[in-house]
Amino acid sequence: MKGGLPEKQALTILKDIVSAACLLYDLNITHRDIKAQNILLLNGRAKLADFGFAKELKQKDNRETGTGVGTILYMAPQLIFEEKPHYSIKCDVWSIGVVFYYVIDRLF
């Protein structure tokens, strides 16, 4: 271990992040800035924070064209490379994957 979290604790944190994202998705809201710095830890549990870029998706296919917001290192490729980026719930899933990679990198 490189000095990161124990595997069990890291998985608990990631489950908390996914649960928080699922609550947003049930409301058809995308966070649009999921990153390590927007995850707060309290007593070994994770809380998703900073909803400044959060937005309700109004289209039936859960996509919305908008301007690029968020943190580039955590952004889905379509947000970076498309002239008119399409935000969707999938973009938050990408960001959660980047957070997961970051946590795993700290473990091994």
PDB file of N, CA and C in Angstrom:
ATOM      1  N   MET A   1       0.843  -1.179   0.000  1.00  0.00           N
ATOM      2  CA  MET A   1       0.000   0.000   0.000  1.00  0.00           C
ATOM      3  C   MET A   1       0.882   1.235   0.000  1.00  0.00           C
ATOM      4  N   LYS A   2       0.565   2.211  -0.853  1.00  0.00           N
ATOM      5  CA  LYS A   2       1.342   3.431  -0.988  1.00  0.00           C
ATOM      6  C   LYS A   2       1.064   4.463   0.096  1.00  0.00           C
ATOM      7  N   GLY A   3       0.206   4.204   1.015  1.00  0.00           N
ATOM      8  CA  GLY A   3      -0.173   5.203   1.987  1.00  0.00           C
ATOM      9  C   GLY A   3      -1.598   5.692   1.766  1.00  0.00           C
ATOM     10  N   GLY A   4      -2.321   4.993   0.916  1.00  0.00           N
ATOM     11  CA  GLY A   4      -3.714   5.340   0.666  1.00  0.00           C
ATOM     12  C   GLY A   4      -4.619   4.678   1.685  1.00  0.00           C
ATOM     13  N   LEU A   5      -5.880   4.637   1.365  1.00  0.00           N
ATOM     14  CA  LEU A   5      -6.866   4.038   2.251  1.00  0.00           C
ATOM     15  C   LEU A   5      -6.850   2.520   2.130  1.00  0.00           C
ATOM     16  N   PRO A   6      -7.232   1.834   3.187  1.00  0.00           N
ATOM     17  CA  PRO A   6      -7.417   0.389   3.063  1.00  0.00           C
ATOM     18  C   PRO A   6      -8.502   0.112   2.018  1.00  0.00           C
ATOM     19  N   GLU A   7      -8.391  -1.014   1.335  1.00  0.00           N
ATOM     20  CA  GLU A   7      -9.306  -1.340   0.248  1.00  0.00           C
ATOM     21  C   GLU A   7     -10.768  -1.304   0.676  1.00  0.00           C
ATOM     22  N   LYS A   8     -11.091  -1.864   1.829  1.00  0.00           N
ATOM     23  CA  LYS A   8     -12.478  -1.903   2.300  1.00  0.00           C
ATOM     24  C   LYS A   8     -13.020  -0.492   2.505  1.00  0.00           C
ATOM     25  N   GLN A   9     -12.212   0.390   3.069  1.00  0.00           N
ATOM     26  CA  GLN A   9     -12.651   1.766   3.293  1.00  0.00           C
ATOM     27  C   GLN A   9     -12.821   2.511   1.962  1.00  0.00           C
ATOM     28  N   ALA A  10     -11.903   2.270   1.026  1.00  0.00           N
ATOM     29  CA  ALA A  10     -11.999   2.904  -0.290  1.00  0.00           C
ATOM     30  C   ALA A  10     -13.281   2.475  -0.998  1.00  0.00           C
ATOM     31  N   LEU A  11     -13.621   1.198  -0.920  1.00  0.00           N
ATOM     32  CA  LEU A  11     -14.849   0.707  -1.551  1.00  0.00           C
ATOM     33  C   LEU A  11     -16.098   1.296  -0.900  1.00  0.00           C
ATOM     34  N   THR A  12     -16.067   1.471   0.408  1.00  0.00           N
ATOM     35  CA  THR A  12     -17.191   2.096   1.112  1.00  0.00           C
ATOM     36  C   THR A  12     -17.380   3.525   0.631  1.00  0.00           C
ATOM     37  N   ILE A  13     -16.287   4.237   0.471  1.00  0.00           N
ATOM     38  CA  ILE A  13     -16.353   5.622  -0.009  1.00  0.00           C
ATOM     39  C   ILE A  13     -16.915   5.668  -1.428  1.00  0.00           C
ATOM     40  N   LEU A  14     -16.445   4.785  -2.286  1.00  0.00           N
ATOM     41  CA  LEU A  14     -16.950   4.769  -3.657  1.00  0.00           C
ATOM     42  C   LEU A  14     -18.432   4.392  -3.716  1.00  0.00           C
ATOM     43  N   LYS A  15     -18.859   3.472  -2.860  1.00  0.00           N
ATOM     44  CA  LYS A  15     -20.287   3.132  -2.794  1.00  0.00           C
ATOM     45  C   LYS A  15     -21.105   4.346  -2.363  1.00  0.00           C
ATOM     46  N   ASP A  16     -20.582   5.119  -1.424  1.00  0.00           N
ATOM     47  CA  ASP A  16     -21.275   6.329  -0.974  1.00  0.00           C
ATOM     48  C   ASP A  16     -21.412   7.338  -2.106  1.00  0.00           C
ATOM     49  N   ILE A  17     -20.357   7.489  -2.907  1.00  0.00           N
ATOM     50  CA  ILE A  17     -20.387   8.424  -4.032  1.00  0.00           C
ATOM     51  C   ILE A  17     -21.435   7.976  -5.055  1.00  0.00           C
ATOM     52  N   VAL A  18     -21.438   6.694  -5.371  1.00  0.00           N
ATOM     53  CA  VAL A  18     -22.398   6.171  -6.337  1.00  0.00           C
ATOM     54  C   VAL A  18     -23.825   6.328  -5.802  1.00  0.00           C
ATOM     55  N   SER A  19     -24.035   6.082  -4.532  1.00  0.00           N
ATOM     56  CA  SER A  19     -25.366   6.240  -3.937  1.00  0.00           C
ATOM     57  C   SER A  19     -25.843   7.687  -4.037  1.00  0.00           C
ATOM     58  N   ALA A  20     -24.940   8.617  -3.755  1.00  0.00           N
ATOM     59  CA  ALA A  20     -25.297  10.038  -3.860  1.00  0.00           C
ATOM     60  C   ALA A  20     -25.645  10.411  -5.299  1.00  0.00           C
ATOM     61  N   ALA A  21     -24.854   9.912  -6.238  1.00  0.00           N
ATOM     62  CA  ALA A  21     -25.121  10.187  -7.651  1.00  0.00           C
ATOM     63  C   ALA A  21     -26.456   9.583  -8.067  1.00  0.00           C
ATOM     64  N   CYS A  22     -26.777   8.402  -7.593  1.00  0.00           N
ATOM     65  CA  CYS A  22     -28.056   7.760  -7.923  1.00  0.00           C
ATOM     66  C   CYS A  22     -29.241   8.577  -7.416  1.00  0.00           C
ATOM     67  N   LEU A  23     -29.092   9.165  -6.241  1.00  0.00           N
ATOM     68  CA  LEU A  23     -30.164  10.023  -5.729  1.00  0.00           C
ATOM     69  C   LEU A  23     -30.389  11.210  -6.664  1.00  0.00           C
ATOM     70  N   LEU A  24     -29.310  11.788  -7.156  1.00  0.00           N
ATOM     71  CA  LEU A  24     -29.437  12.894  -8.106  1.00  0.00           C
ATOM     72  C   LEU A  24     -30.097  12.426  -9.396  1.00  0.00           C
ATOM     73  N   TYR A  25     -29.669  11.269  -9.897  1.00  0.00           N
ATOM     74  CA  TYR A  25     -30.180  10.751 -11.162  1.00  0.00           C
ATOM     75  C   TYR A  25     -31.680  10.468 -11.082  1.00  0.00           C
ATOM     76  N   ASP A  26     -32.128  10.001  -9.903  1.00  0.00           N
ATOM     77  CA  ASP A  26     -33.557   9.763  -9.718  1.00  0.00           C
ATOM     78  C   ASP A  26     -34.359  11.058  -9.893  1.00  0.00           C
ATOM     79  N   LEU A  27     -33.712  12.184  -9.622  1.00  0.00           N
ATOM     80  CA  LEU A  27     -34.339  13.498  -9.791  1.00  0.00           C
ATOM     81  C   LEU A  27     -34.012  14.112 -11.147  1.00  0.00           C
ATOM     82  N   ASN A  28     -33.328  13.338 -11.996  1.00  0.00           N
ATOM     83  CA  ASN A  28     -32.912  13.780 -13.327  1.00  0.00           C
ATOM     84  C   ASN A  28     -31.963  14.985 -13.257  1.00  0.00           C
ATOM     85  N   ILE A  29     -31.064  14.933 -12.287  1.00  0.00           N
ATOM     86  CA  ILE A  29     -30.076  16.002 -12.081  1.00  0.00           C
ATOM     87  C   ILE A  29     -28.690  15.429 -12.312  1.00  0.00           C
ATOM     88  N   THR A  30     -27.864  16.194 -12.990  1.00  0.00           N
ATOM     89  CA  THR A  30     -26.459  15.825 -13.159  1.00  0.00           C
ATOM     90  C   THR A  30     -25.607  16.785 -12.341  1.00  0.00           C
ATOM     91  N   HIS A  31     -24.602  16.273 -11.667  1.00  0.00           N
ATOM     92  CA  HIS A  31     -23.742  17.067 -10.791  1.00  0.00           C
ATOM     93  C   HIS A  31     -22.798  17.956 -11.598  1.00  0.00           C
ATOM     94  N   ARG A  32     -22.189  17.414 -12.617  1.00  0.00           N
ATOM     95  CA  ARG A  32     -21.304  18.077 -13.572  1.00  0.00           C
ATOM     96  C   ARG A  32     -19.948  18.512 -13.012  1.00  0.00           C
ATOM     97  N   ASP A  33     -19.614  18.135 -11.786  1.00  0.00           N
ATOM     98  CA  ASP A  33     -18.280  18.460 -11.255  1.00  0.00           C
ATOM     99  C   ASP A  33     -17.873  17.471 -10.169  1.00  0.00           C
ATOM    100  N   ILE A  34     -18.115  16.179 -10.418  1.00  0.00           N
ATOM    101  CA  ILE A  34     -17.678  15.169  -9.451  1.00  0.00           C
ATOM    102  C   ILE A  34     -16.168  15.034  -9.569  1.00  0.00           C
ATOM    103  N   LYS A  35     -15.493  15.243  -8.464  1.00  0.00           N
ATOM    104  CA  LYS A  35     -14.037  15.141  -8.391  1.00  0.00           C
ATOM    105  C   LYS A  35     -13.657  14.888  -6.938  1.00  0.00           C
ATOM    106  N   ALA A  36     -12.430  14.489  -6.729  1.00  0.00           N
ATOM    107  CA  ALA A  36     -11.965  14.154  -5.376  1.00  0.00           C
ATOM    108  C   ALA A  36     -12.174  15.318  -4.400  1.00  0.00           C
ATOM    109  N   GLN A  37     -11.953  16.533  -4.862  1.00  0.00           N
ATOM    110  CA  GLN A  37     -12.074  17.707  -4.001  1.00  0.00           C
ATOM    111  C   GLN A  37     -13.515  17.998  -3.595  1.00  0.00           C
ATOM    112  N   ASN A  38     -14.488  17.416  -4.291  1.00  0.00           N
ATOM    113  CA  ASN A  38     -15.900  17.622  -3.963  1.00  0.00           C
ATOM    114  C   ASN A  38     -16.498  16.447  -3.209  1.00  0.00           C
ATOM    115  N   ILE A  39     -15.644  15.648  -2.612  1.00  0.00           N
ATOM    116  CA  ILE A  39     -16.087  14.535  -1.788  1.00  0.00           C
ATOM    117  C   ILE A  39     -15.593  14.787  -0.372  1.00  0.00           C
ATOM    118  N   LEU A  40     -16.524  14.886   0.543  1.00  0.00           N
ATOM    119  CA  LEU A  40     -16.200  15.145   1.938  1.00  0.00           C
ATOM    120  C   LEU A  40     -16.270  13.843   2.718  1.00  0.00           C
ATOM    121  N   LEU A  41     -15.337  13.655   3.620  1.00  0.00           N
ATOM    122  CA  LEU A  41     -15.309  12.451   4.451  1.00  0.00           C
ATOM    123  C   LEU A  41     -15.655  12.805   5.886  1.00  0.00           C
ATOM    124  N   LEU A  42     -16.564  12.038   6.466  1.00  0.00           N
ATOM    125  CA  LEU A  42     -16.963  12.221   7.851  1.00  0.00           C
ATOM    126  C   LEU A  42     -17.172  10.848   8.470  1.00  0.00           C
ATOM    127  N   ASN A  43     -16.360  10.521   9.457  1.00  0.00           N
ATOM    128  CA  ASN A  43     -16.456   9.230  10.135  1.00  0.00           C
ATOM    129  C   ASN A  43     -16.399   8.057   9.155  1.00  0.00           C
ATOM    130  N   GLY A  44     -15.508   8.143   8.175  1.00  0.00           N
ATOM    131  CA  GLY A  44     -15.313   7.062   7.221  1.00  0.00           C
ATOM    132  C   GLY A  44     -16.367   6.976   6.134  1.00  0.00           C
ATOM    133  N   ARG A  45     -17.287   7.920   6.088  1.00  0.00           N
ATOM    134  CA  ARG A  45     -18.337   7.943   5.067  1.00  0.00           C
ATOM    135  C   ARG A  45     -18.115   9.144   4.153  1.00  0.00           C
ATOM    136  N   ALA A  46     -18.513   8.996   2.907  1.00  0.00           N
ATOM    137  CA  ALA A  46     -18.317  10.054   1.913  1.00  0.00           C
ATOM    138  C   ALA A  46     -19.622  10.782   1.628  1.00  0.00           C
ATOM    139  N   LYS A  47     -19.501  12.072   1.452  1.00  0.00           N
ATOM    140  CA  LYS A  47     -20.640  12.916   1.086  1.00  0.00           C
ATOM    141  C   LYS A  47     -20.247  13.701  -0.157  1.00  0.00           C
ATOM    142  N   LEU A  48     -21.135  13.756  -1.130  1.00  0.00           N
ATOM    143  CA  LEU A  48     -20.905  14.520  -2.347  1.00  0.00           C
ATOM    144  C   LEU A  48     -21.247  15.978  -2.052  1.00  0.00           C
ATOM    145  N   ALA A  49     -20.361  16.893  -2.446  1.00  0.00           N
ATOM    146  CA  ALA A  49     -20.537  18.311  -2.129  1.00  0.00           C
ATOM    147  C   ALA A  49     -20.405  19.173  -3.378  1.00  0.00           C
ATOM    148  N   ASP A  50     -20.593  20.455  -3.211  1.00  0.00           N
ATOM    149  CA  ASP A  50     -20.442  21.492  -4.230  1.00  0.00           C
ATOM    150  C   ASP A  50     -21.366  21.248  -5.420  1.00  0.00           C
ATOM    151  N   PHE A  51     -22.580  21.705  -5.279  1.00  0.00           N
ATOM    152  CA  PHE A  51     -23.592  21.528  -6.321  1.00  0.00           C
ATOM    153  C   PHE A  51     -23.730  22.782  -7.185  1.00  0.00           C
ATOM    154  N   GLY A  52     -22.683  23.583  -7.244  1.00  0.00           N
ATOM    155  CA  GLY A  52     -22.719  24.831  -8.003  1.00  0.00           C
ATOM    156  C   GLY A  52     -22.948  24.649  -9.486  1.00  0.00           C
ATOM    157  N   PHE A  53     -22.504  23.527 -10.062  1.00  0.00           N
ATOM    158  CA  PHE A  53     -22.697  23.254 -11.486  1.00  0.00           C
ATOM    159  C   PHE A  53     -23.832  22.264 -11.741  1.00  0.00           C
ATOM    160  N   ALA A  54     -24.476  21.777 -10.689  1.00  0.00           N
ATOM    161  CA  ALA A  54     -25.546  20.797 -10.845  1.00  0.00           C
ATOM    162  C   ALA A  54     -26.680  21.390 -11.676  1.00  0.00           C
ATOM    163  N   LYS A  55     -27.319  20.526 -12.474  1.00  0.00           N
ATOM    164  CA  LYS A  55     -28.369  21.010 -13.364  1.00  0.00           C
ATOM    165  C   LYS A  55     -29.387  19.908 -13.626  1.00  0.00           C
ATOM    166  N   GLU A  56     -30.646  20.320 -13.659  1.00  0.00           N
ATOM    167  CA  GLU A  56     -31.697  19.381 -14.027  1.00  0.00           C
ATOM    168  C   GLU A  56     -31.674  19.200 -15.540  1.00  0.00           C
ATOM    169  N   LEU A  57     -31.728  17.958 -15.969  1.00  0.00           N
ATOM    170  CA  LEU A  57     -31.771  17.650 -17.396  1.00  0.00           C
ATOM    171  C   LEU A  57     -33.227  17.555 -17.812  1.00  0.00           C
ATOM    172  N   LYS A  58     -33.603  18.370 -18.769  1.00  0.00           N
ATOM    173  CA  LYS A  58     -35.016  18.463 -19.140  1.00  0.00           C
ATOM    174  C   LYS A  58     -35.391  17.626 -20.344  1.00  0.00           C
ATOM    175  N   GLN A  59     -34.413  17.225 -21.139  1.00  0.00           N
ATOM    176  CA  GLN A  59     -34.722  16.437 -22.325  1.00  0.00           C
ATOM    177  C   GLN A  59     -35.045  14.996 -21.933  1.00  0.00           C
ATOM    178  N   LYS A  60     -35.886  14.369 -22.716  1.00  0.00           N
ATOM    179  CA  LYS A  60     -36.311  12.997 -22.421  1.00  0.00           C
ATOM    180  C   LYS A  60     -35.156  12.007 -22.465  1.00  0.00           C
ATOM    181  N   ASP A  61     -34.144  12.286 -23.298  1.00  0.00           N
ATOM    182  CA  ASP A  61     -33.036  11.344 -23.408  1.00  0.00           C
ATOM    183  C   ASP A  61     -31.929  11.651 -22.393  1.00  0.00           C
ATOM    184  N   ASN A  62     -32.238  12.489 -21.411  1.00  0.00           N
ATOM    185  CA  ASN A  62     -31.294  12.830 -20.338  1.00  0.00           C
ATOM    186  C   ASN A  62     -29.991  13.426 -20.855  1.00  0.00           C
ATOM    187  N   ARG A  63     -30.112  14.243 -21.903  1.00  0.00           N
ATOM    188  CA  ARG A  63     -28.939  14.942 -22.423  1.00  0.00           C
ATOM    189  C   ARG A  63     -29.297  16.406 -22.555  1.00  0.00           C
ATOM    190  N   GLU A  64     -28.306  17.231 -22.393  1.00  0.00           N
ATOM    191  CA  GLU A  64     -28.532  18.650 -22.580  1.00  0.00           C
ATOM    192  C   GLU A  64     -27.262  19.282 -23.105  1.00  0.00           C
ATOM    193  N   THR A  65     -27.409  20.085 -24.146  1.00  0.00           N
ATOM    194  CA  THR A  65     -26.265  20.796 -24.687  1.00  0.00           C
ATOM    195  C   THR A  65     -26.001  21.989 -23.790  1.00  0.00           C
ATOM    196  N   GLY A  66     -24.747  22.230 -23.516  1.00  0.00           N
ATOM    197  CA  GLY A  66     -24.405  23.377 -22.682  1.00  0.00           C
ATOM    198  C   GLY A  66     -22.960  23.775 -22.870  1.00  0.00           C
ATOM    199  N   THR A  67     -22.563  24.746 -22.123  1.00  0.00           N
ATOM    200  CA  THR A  67     -21.169  25.167 -22.161  1.00  0.00           C
ATOM    201  C   THR A  67     -20.355  24.256 -21.254  1.00  0.00           C
ATOM    202  N   GLY A  68     -19.073  24.152 -21.526  1.00  0.00           N
ATOM    203  CA  GLY A  68     -18.216  23.279 -20.742  1.00  0.00           C
ATOM    204  C   GLY A  68     -17.978  23.823 -19.343  1.00  0.00           C
ATOM    205  N   VAL A  69     -18.444  23.110 -18.349  1.00  0.00           N
ATOM    206  CA  VAL A  69     -18.178  23.472 -16.957  1.00  0.00           C
ATOM    207  C   VAL A  69     -17.639  22.233 -16.249  1.00  0.00           C
ATOM    208  N   GLY A  70     -16.994  22.448 -15.132  1.00  0.00           N
ATOM    209  CA  GLY A  70     -16.440  21.346 -14.371  1.00  0.00           C
ATOM    210  C   GLY A  70     -14.927  21.441 -14.325  1.00  0.00           C
ATOM    211  N   THR A  71     -14.305  20.374 -13.936  1.00  0.00           N
ATOM    212  CA  THR A  71     -12.852  20.308 -13.811  1.00  0.00           C
ATOM    213  C   THR A  71     -12.327  19.392 -14.904  1.00  0.00           C
ATOM    214  N   ILE A  72     -11.480  19.926 -15.750  1.00  0.00           N
ATOM    215  CA  ILE A  72     -11.080  19.242 -16.987  1.00  0.00           C
ATOM    216  C   ILE A  72     -10.483  17.853 -16.748  1.00  0.00           C
ATOM    217  N   LEU A  73      -9.736  17.662 -15.679  1.00  0.00           N
ATOM    218  CA  LEU A  73      -9.127  16.354 -15.425  1.00  0.00           C
ATOM    219  C   LEU A  73     -10.160  15.265 -15.139  1.00  0.00           C
ATOM    220  N   TYR A  74     -11.361  15.651 -14.776  1.00  0.00           N
ATOM    221  CA  TYR A  74     -12.417  14.696 -14.438  1.00  0.00           C
ATOM    222  C   TYR A  74     -13.522  14.649 -15.497  1.00  0.00           C
ATOM    223  N   MET A  75     -13.418  15.475 -16.539  1.00  0.00           N
ATOM    224  CA  MET A  75     -14.475  15.592 -17.551  1.00  0.00           C
ATOM    225  C   MET A  75     -14.480  14.421 -18.524  1.00  0.00           C
ATOM    226  N   ALA A  76     -15.674  14.029 -18.935  1.00  0.00           N
ATOM    227  CA  ALA A  76     -15.833  13.019 -19.979  1.00  0.00           C
ATOM    228  C   ALA A  76     -15.317  13.588 -21.303  1.00  0.00           C
ATOM    229  N   PRO A  77     -14.774  12.736 -22.163  1.00  0.00           N
ATOM    230  CA  PRO A  77     -14.194  13.213 -23.428  1.00  0.00           C
ATOM    231  C   PRO A  77     -15.142  14.054 -24.277  1.00  0.00           C
ATOM    232  N   GLN A  78     -16.423  13.687 -24.322  1.00  0.00           N
ATOM    233  CA  GLN A  78     -17.331  14.465 -25.165  1.00  0.00           C
ATOM    234  C   GLN A  78     -17.499  15.895 -24.668  1.00  0.00           C
ATOM    235  N   LEU A  79     -17.248  16.135 -23.415  1.00  0.00           N
ATOM    236  CA  LEU A  79     -17.334  17.497 -22.893  1.00  0.00           C
ATOM    237  C   LEU A  79     -16.113  18.318 -23.290  1.00  0.00           C
ATOM    238  N   ILE A  80     -15.001  17.657 -23.475  1.00  0.00           N
ATOM    239  CA  ILE A  80     -13.760  18.348 -23.817  1.00  0.00           C
ATOM    240  C   ILE A  80     -13.654  18.575 -25.316  1.00  0.00           C
ATOM    241  N   PHE A  81     -14.011  17.575 -26.110  1.00  0.00           N
ATOM    242  CA  PHE A  81     -13.717  17.616 -27.541  1.00  0.00           C
ATOM    243  C   PHE A  81     -14.871  18.068 -28.437  1.00  0.00           C
ATOM    244  N   GLU A  82     -16.095  18.051 -27.961  1.00  0.00           N
ATOM    245  CA  GLU A  82     -17.207  18.459 -28.811  1.00  0.00           C
ATOM    246  C   GLU A  82     -17.401  19.964 -28.767  1.00  0.00           C
ATOM    247  N   GLU A  83     -17.726  20.534 -29.912  1.00  0.00           N
ATOM    248  CA  GLU A  83     -17.975  21.970 -29.988  1.00  0.00           C
ATOM    249  C   GLU A  83     -19.171  22.357 -29.115  1.00  0.00           C
ATOM    250  N   LYS A  84     -20.218  21.535 -29.172  1.00  0.00           N
ATOM    251  CA  LYS A  84     -21.391  21.738 -28.333  1.00  0.00           C
ATOM    252  C   LYS A  84     -21.504  20.521 -27.423  1.00  0.00           C
ATOM    253  N   PRO A  85     -20.910  20.593 -26.235  1.00  0.00           N
ATOM    254  CA  PRO A  85     -20.897  19.407 -25.369  1.00  0.00           C
ATOM    255  C   PRO A  85     -22.307  19.009 -24.930  1.00  0.00           C
ATOM    256  N   HIS A  86     -22.509  17.707 -24.813  1.00  0.00           N
ATOM    257  CA  HIS A  86     -23.779  17.159 -24.358  1.00  0.00           C
ATOM    258  C   HIS A  86     -23.579  16.578 -22.965  1.00  0.00           C
ATOM    259  N   TYR A  87     -24.169  17.228 -21.983  1.00  0.00           N
ATOM    260  CA  TYR A  87     -24.112  16.705 -20.628  1.00  0.00           C
ATOM    261  C   TYR A  87     -25.153  15.612 -20.481  1.00  0.00           C
ATOM    262  N   SER A  88     -24.788  14.590 -19.762  1.00  0.00           N
ATOM    263  CA  SER A  88     -25.732  13.532 -19.442  1.00  0.00           C
ATOM    264  C   SER A  88     -25.277  12.893 -18.139  1.00  0.00           C
ATOM    265  N   ILE A  89     -26.097  12.017 -17.669  1.00  0.00           N
ATOM    266  CA  ILE A  89     -25.760  11.264 -16.465  1.00  0.00           C
ATOM    267  C   ILE A  89     -24.462  10.480 -16.690  1.00  0.00           C
ATOM    268  N   LYS A  90     -24.237  10.059 -17.930  1.00  0.00           N
ATOM    269  CA  LYS A  90     -23.029   9.304 -18.259  1.00  0.00           C
ATOM    270  C   LYS A  90     -21.759  10.114 -17.981  1.00  0.00           C
ATOM    271  N   CYS A  91     -21.843  11.427 -18.075  1.00  0.00           N
ATOM    272  CA  CYS A  91     -20.674  12.266 -17.796  1.00  0.00           C
ATOM    273  C   CYS A  91     -20.275  12.176 -16.323  1.00  0.00           C
ATOM    274  N   ASP A  92     -21.275  12.114 -15.435  1.00  0.00           N
ATOM    275  CA  ASP A  92     -20.979  11.941 -14.013  1.00  0.00           C
ATOM    276  C   ASP A  92     -20.398  10.562 -13.738  1.00  0.00           C
ATOM    277  N   VAL A  93     -20.888   9.551 -14.463  1.00  0.00           N
ATOM    278  CA  VAL A  93     -20.344   8.201 -14.298  1.00  0.00           C
ATOM    279  C   VAL A  93     -18.867   8.185 -14.681  1.00  0.00           C
ATOM    280  N   TRP A  94     -18.518   8.876 -15.759  1.00  0.00           N
ATOM    281  CA  TRP A  94     -17.107   8.990 -16.162  1.00  0.00           C
ATOM    282  C   TRP A  94     -16.295   9.589 -15.015  1.00  0.00           C
ATOM    283  N   SER A  95     -16.798  10.691 -14.450  1.00  0.00           N
ATOM    284  CA  SER A  95     -16.078  11.372 -13.376  1.00  0.00           C
ATOM    285  C   SER A  95     -15.902  10.478 -12.155  1.00  0.00           C
ATOM    286  N   ILE A  96     -16.918   9.693 -11.842  1.00  0.00           N
ATOM    287  CA  ILE A  96     -16.802   8.744 -10.732  1.00  0.00           C
ATOM    288  C   ILE A  96     -15.714   7.721 -11.043  1.00  0.00           C
ATOM    289  N   GLY A  97     -15.623   7.302 -12.298  1.00  0.00           N
ATOM    290  CA  GLY A  97     -14.563   6.375 -12.704  1.00  0.00           C
ATOM    291  C   GLY A  97     -13.182   6.979 -12.520  1.00  0.00           C
ATOM    292  N   VAL A  98     -13.042   8.251 -12.815  1.00  0.00           N
ATOM    293  CA  VAL A  98     -11.751   8.929 -12.614  1.00  0.00           C
ATOM    294  C   VAL A  98     -11.423   8.989 -11.124  1.00  0.00           C
ATOM    295  N   VAL A  99     -12.425   9.284 -10.300  1.00  0.00           N
ATOM    296  CA  VAL A  99     -12.214   9.288  -8.844  1.00  0.00           C
ATOM    297  C   VAL A  99     -11.801   7.897  -8.393  1.00  0.00           C
ATOM    298  N   PHE A 100     -12.465   6.861  -8.906  1.00  0.00           N
ATOM    299  CA  PHE A 100     -12.129   5.478  -8.565  1.00  0.00           C
ATOM    300  C   PHE A 100     -10.676   5.179  -8.923  1.00  0.00           C
ATOM    301  N   TYR A 101     -10.261   5.577 -10.125  1.00  0.00           N
ATOM    302  CA  TYR A 101      -8.873   5.370 -10.552  1.00  0.00           C
ATOM    303  C   TYR A 101      -7.916   6.080  -9.604  1.00  0.00           C
ATOM    304  N   TYR A 102      -8.252   7.282  -9.219  1.00  0.00           N
ATOM    305  CA  TYR A 102      -7.430   8.068  -8.296  1.00  0.00           C
ATOM    306  C   TYR A 102      -7.275   7.339  -6.961  1.00  0.00           C
ATOM    307  N   VAL A 103      -8.382   6.796  -6.456  1.00  0.00           N
ATOM    308  CA  VAL A 103      -8.345   6.072  -5.178  1.00  0.00           C
ATOM    309  C   VAL A 103      -7.513   4.799  -5.323  1.00  0.00           C
ATOM    310  N   ILE A 104      -7.709   4.045  -6.405  1.00  0.00           N
ATOM    311  CA  ILE A 104      -6.954   2.810  -6.621  1.00  0.00           C
ATOM    312  C   ILE A 104      -5.463   3.118  -6.770  1.00  0.00           C
ATOM    313  N   ASP A 105      -5.143   4.182  -7.463  1.00  0.00           N
ATOM    314  CA  ASP A 105      -3.740   4.565  -7.633  1.00  0.00           C
ATOM    315  C   ASP A 105      -3.085   4.842  -6.285  1.00  0.00           C
ATOM    316  N   ARG A 106      -3.848   5.376  -5.355  1.00  0.00           N
ATOM    317  CA  ARG A 106      -3.317   5.645  -4.022  1.00  0.00           C
ATOM    318  C   ARG A 106      -3.152   4.351  -3.206  1.00  0.00           C
ATOM    319  N   LEU A 107      -3.915   3.319  -3.578  1.00  0.00           N
ATOM    320  CA  LEU A 107      -3.847   2.069  -2.829  1.00  0.00           C
ATOM    321  C   LEU A 107      -2.634   1.229  -3.208  1.00  0.00           C
ATOM    322  N   PHE A 108      -2.312   1.203  -4.514  1.00  0.00           N
ATOM    323  CA  PHE A 108      -1.300   0.251  -4.981  1.00  0.00           C
ATOM    324  C   PHE A 108      -0.078   0.948  -5.540  1.00  0.00           C
TER     325      PHE A 108
END
